[in-house]
C-alpha atoms as a PDB file:
ATOM      1  CA  MET A   1     101.943-170.354  57.795  1.00  0.00           C
ATOM      2  CA  PRO A   2      98.989-167.962  57.439  1.00  0.00           C
ATOM      3  CA  ILE A   3      96.078-168.906  59.696  1.00  0.00           C
ATOM      4  CA  ALA A   4      93.676-169.249  56.760  1.00  0.00           C
ATOM      5  CA  MET A   5      95.922-171.921  55.237  1.00  0.00           C
ATOM      6  CA  ASP A   6      95.670-174.131  58.348  1.00  0.00           C
ATOM      7  CA  LYS A   7      92.660-176.415  57.867  1.00  0.00           C
ATOM      8  CA  ASP A   8      92.539-177.099  61.616  1.00  0.00           C
ATOM      9  CA  THR A   9      92.155-173.455  62.602  1.00  0.00           C
ATOM     10  CA  ARG A  10      88.717-172.515  63.829  1.00  0.00           C
ATOM     11  CA  PHE A  11      87.369-169.592  65.771  1.00  0.00           C
ATOM     12  CA  ALA A  12      84.760-169.864  68.507  1.00  0.00           C
ATOM     13  CA  TYR A  13      81.824-167.491  68.779  1.00  0.00           C
ATOM     14  CA  VAL A  14      79.328-167.307  71.634  1.00  0.00           C
ATOM     15  CA  LEU A  15      76.153-165.292  71.159  1.00  0.00           C
ATOM     16  CA  GLU A  16      75.822-162.337  73.518  1.00  0.00           C
ATOM     17  CA  THR A  17      72.751-163.855  75.173  1.00  0.00           C
ATOM     18  CA  ASP A  18      74.761-166.984  76.032  1.00  0.00           C
ATOM     19  CA  ARG A  19      77.821-165.226  77.457  1.00  0.00           C
ATOM     20  CA  VAL A  20      76.317-165.144  80.948  1.00  0.00           C
ATOM     21  CA  LYS A  21      76.148-168.943  81.109  1.00  0.00           C
ATOM     22  CA  GLU A  22      78.846-170.594  83.179  1.00  0.00           C
ATOM     23  CA  THR A  23      78.513-174.165  81.902  1.00  0.00           C
ATOM     24  CA  ASP A  24      77.467-175.869  78.684  1.00  0.00           C
ATOM     25  CA  VAL A  25      77.789-172.602  76.780  1.00  0.00           C
ATOM     26  CA  PRO A  26      76.413-172.924  73.213  1.00  0.00           C
ATOM     27  CA  THR A  27      79.342-172.157  70.928  1.00  0.00           C
ATOM     28  CA  PHE A  28      79.622-171.826  67.145  1.00  0.00           C
ATOM     29  CA  TYR A  29      82.902-172.523  65.315  1.00  0.00           C
ATOM     30  CA  PHE A  30      83.974-170.893  62.067  1.00  0.00           C
ATOM     31  CA  GLY A  31      86.884-171.452  59.712  1.00  0.00           C
ATOM     32  CA  ALA A  32      89.436-168.704  59.138  1.00  0.00           C
ATOM     33  CA  LEU A  33      88.283-165.943  56.821  1.00  0.00           C
ATOM     34  CA  THR A  34      90.738-164.697  54.201  1.00  0.00           C
ATOM     35  CA  MET A  35      90.710-161.061  53.139  1.00  0.00           C
ATOM     36  CA  GLY A  36      89.056-162.081  49.870  1.00  0.00           C
ATOM     37  CA  ALA A  37      86.344-164.049  51.668  1.00  0.00           C
ATOM     38  CA  TRP A  38      85.805-161.134  54.068  1.00  0.00           C
ATOM     39  CA  ARG A  39      85.365-158.766  51.129  1.00  0.00           C
ATOM     40  CA  LYS A  40      82.932-161.156  49.436  1.00  0.00           C
ATOM     41  CA  MET A  41      80.911-161.552  52.654  1.00  0.00           C
ATOM     42  CA  ASN A  42      80.732-157.789  53.073  1.00  0.00           C
ATOM     43  CA  GLN A  43      79.470-157.371  49.499  1.00  0.00           C
ATOM     44  CA  ARG A  44      76.865-160.113  49.982  1.00  0.00           C
ATOM     45  CA  ALA A  45      75.625-158.499  53.219  1.00  0.00           C
ATOM     46  CA  LYS A  46      75.105-155.203  51.398  1.00  0.00           C
ATOM     47  CA  GLN A  47      73.127-156.973  48.649  1.00  0.00           C
ATOM     48  CA  ILE A  48      70.623-158.629  51.006  1.00  0.00           C
ATOM     49  CA  ASP A  49      68.419-155.531  51.050  1.00  0.00           C
ATOM     50  CA  LYS A  50      68.170-155.815  47.262  1.00  0.00           C
ATOM     51  CA  CYS A  51      66.781-159.371  47.284  1.00  0.00           C
ATOM     52  CA  LYS A  52      63.439-159.628  45.486  1.00  0.00           C
ATOM     53  CA  ASN A  53      61.678-161.350  48.360  1.00  0.00           C
ATOM     54  CA  VAL A  54      62.157-162.261  52.000  1.00  0.00           C
ATOM     55  CA  GLU A  55      62.731-165.953  51.238  1.00  0.00           C
ATOM     56  CA  ASP A  56      65.690-165.138  48.976  1.00  0.00           C
ATOM     57  CA  ALA A  57      67.136-162.802  51.596  1.00  0.00           C
ATOM     58  CA  LEU A  58      66.830-165.431  54.342  1.00  0.00           C
ATOM     59  CA  LYS A  59      68.456-168.098  52.165  1.00  0.00           C
ATOM     60  CA  GLU A  60      71.346-165.763  51.357  1.00  0.00           C
ATOM     61  CA  LEU A  61      71.843-164.800  55.003  1.00  0.00           C
ATOM     62  CA  CYS A  62      71.844-168.443  56.115  1.00  0.00           C
ATOM     63  CA  SER A  63      74.223-169.350  53.289  1.00  0.00           C
ATOM     64  CA  MET A  64      76.649-166.620  54.329  1.00  0.00           C
ATOM     65  CA  ILE A  65      76.878-168.158  57.793  1.00  0.00           C
ATOM     66  CA  THR A  66      76.923-171.844  56.871  1.00  0.00           C
ATOM     67  CA  GLU A  67      79.636-171.249  54.264  1.00  0.00           C
ATOM     68  CA  HIS A  68      82.050-170.644  57.152  1.00  0.00           C
ATOM     69  CA  LEU A  69      80.416-172.712  59.924  1.00  0.00           C
ATOM     70  CA  VAL A  70      82.513-175.776  60.794  1.00  0.00           C
ATOM     71  CA  GLY A  71      80.938-176.987  64.028  1.00  0.00           C
ATOM     72  CA  TRP A  72      79.217-176.240  67.300  1.00  0.00           C
ATOM     73  CA  ASP A  73      79.150-177.340  70.927  1.00  0.00           C
ATOM     74  CA  ASN A  74      76.395-177.491  73.521  1.00  0.00           C
ATOM     75  CA  MET A  75      73.422-177.109  71.203  1.00  0.00           C
ATOM     76  CA  THR A  76      70.337-178.929  72.422  1.00  0.00           C
ATOM     77  CA  ASN A  77      67.059-179.898  70.851  1.00  0.00           C
ATOM     78  CA  PRO A  78      64.491-177.606  72.523  1.00  0.00           C
ATOM     79  CA  SER A  79      61.816-180.325  72.361  1.00  0.00           C
ATOM     80  CA  THR A  80      63.841-183.126  73.943  1.00  0.00           C
ATOM     81  CA  GLY A  81      66.759-181.434  75.682  1.00  0.00           C
ATOM     82  CA  ASN A  82      69.083-183.904  73.953  1.00  0.00           C
ATOM     83  CA  PRO A  83      72.340-182.777  72.335  1.00  0.00           C
ATOM     84  CA  LEU A  84      71.893-181.612  68.763  1.00  0.00           C
ATOM     85  CA  LYS A  85      74.375-183.154  66.341  1.00  0.00           C
ATOM     86  CA  PHE A  86      76.139-180.641  64.100  1.00  0.00           C
ATOM     87  CA  GLY A  87      74.495-180.080  60.748  1.00  0.00           C
ATOM     88  CA  LYS A  88      74.660-176.879  58.733  1.00  0.00           C
ATOM     89  CA  ASN A  89      71.130-177.451  57.452  1.00  0.00           C
ATOM     90  CA  LYS A  90      69.815-177.089  61.035  1.00  0.00           C
ATOM     91  CA  LEU A  91      71.103-173.543  61.531  1.00  0.00           C
ATOM     92  CA  ALA A  92      67.948-171.715  60.416  1.00  0.00           C
ATOM     93  CA  ASP A  93      65.993-173.526  63.131  1.00  0.00           C
ATOM     94  CA  LEU A  94      68.459-172.566  65.864  1.00  0.00           C
ATOM     95  CA  ILE A  95      68.910-168.812  65.620  1.00  0.00           C
ATOM     96  CA  THR A  96      66.850-165.650  65.354  1.00  0.00           C
ATOM     97  CA  MET A  97      67.283-162.959  62.700  1.00  0.00           C
ATOM     98  CA  ASN A  98      69.193-160.738  65.137  1.00  0.00           C
ATOM     99  CA  GLU A  99      71.438-163.649  66.055  1.00  0.00           C
ATOM    100  CA  SER A 100      72.131-164.309  62.379  1.00  0.00           C
ATOM    101  CA  TRP A 101      73.475-160.782  61.931  1.00  0.00           C
ATOM    102  CA  GLU A 102      75.449-161.162  65.160  1.00  0.00           C
ATOM    103  CA  LEU A 103      77.041-164.328  63.751  1.00  0.00           C
ATOM    104  CA  ILE A 104      77.912-162.508  60.516  1.00  0.00           C
ATOM    105  CA  ALA A 105      79.686-159.844  62.569  1.00  0.00           C
ATOM    106  CA  GLY A 106      81.385-162.572  64.612  1.00  0.00           C
ATOM    107  CA  ILE A 107      82.653-164.275  61.471  1.00  0.00           C
ATOM    108  CA  LYS A 108      84.036-161.001  60.153  1.00  0.00           C
ATOM    109  CA  ASP A 109      85.673-160.167  63.515  1.00  0.00           C
ATOM    110  CA  GLN A 110      86.996-163.676  64.170  1.00  0.00           C
ATOM    111  CA  GLY A 111      89.843-163.867  66.582  1.00  0.00           C
ATOM    112  CA  VAL A 112      88.870-160.603  68.256  1.00  0.00           C
ATOM    113  CA  GLU A 113      87.655-161.187  71.784  1.00  0.00           C
ATOM    114  CA  ALA A 114      84.719-159.190  73.167  1.00  0.00           C
ATOM    115  CA  SER A 115      87.066-157.509  75.664  1.00  0.00           C
ATOM    116  CA  ASP A 116      89.352-156.456  72.780  1.00  0.00           C
ATOM    117  CA  ARG A 117      86.498-154.687  70.952  1.00  0.00           C
ATOM    118  CA  LYS A 118      86.043-152.255  73.865  1.00  0.00           C
ATOM    119  CA  ASN A 119      89.579-150.875  73.488  1.00  0.00           C
END
């Protein structure tokens, strides 16, 4: 069965800044991306520069990520230090702009390990 057809398939992504951590590594999980979804995401990414205002661009960028986001581990509330329950609507308050683009790249490259990209 193709990976994208398996509802239980998910790919982990760890932000570069978190890869040095040895325990409790914050990890994002994304569903499998079909070729059609990859093409659509690529087209949407190219259109962000054409958004009429920054707010529209930020909403589109966040939407592109949350559309494929299925979970996370080891996220903590910075104010309390308590675990942060998964909720797509919380994403914009967790990541920076650079990290958002890193996640987009991670979604598009899902299944490719960092060590594989160097080859």
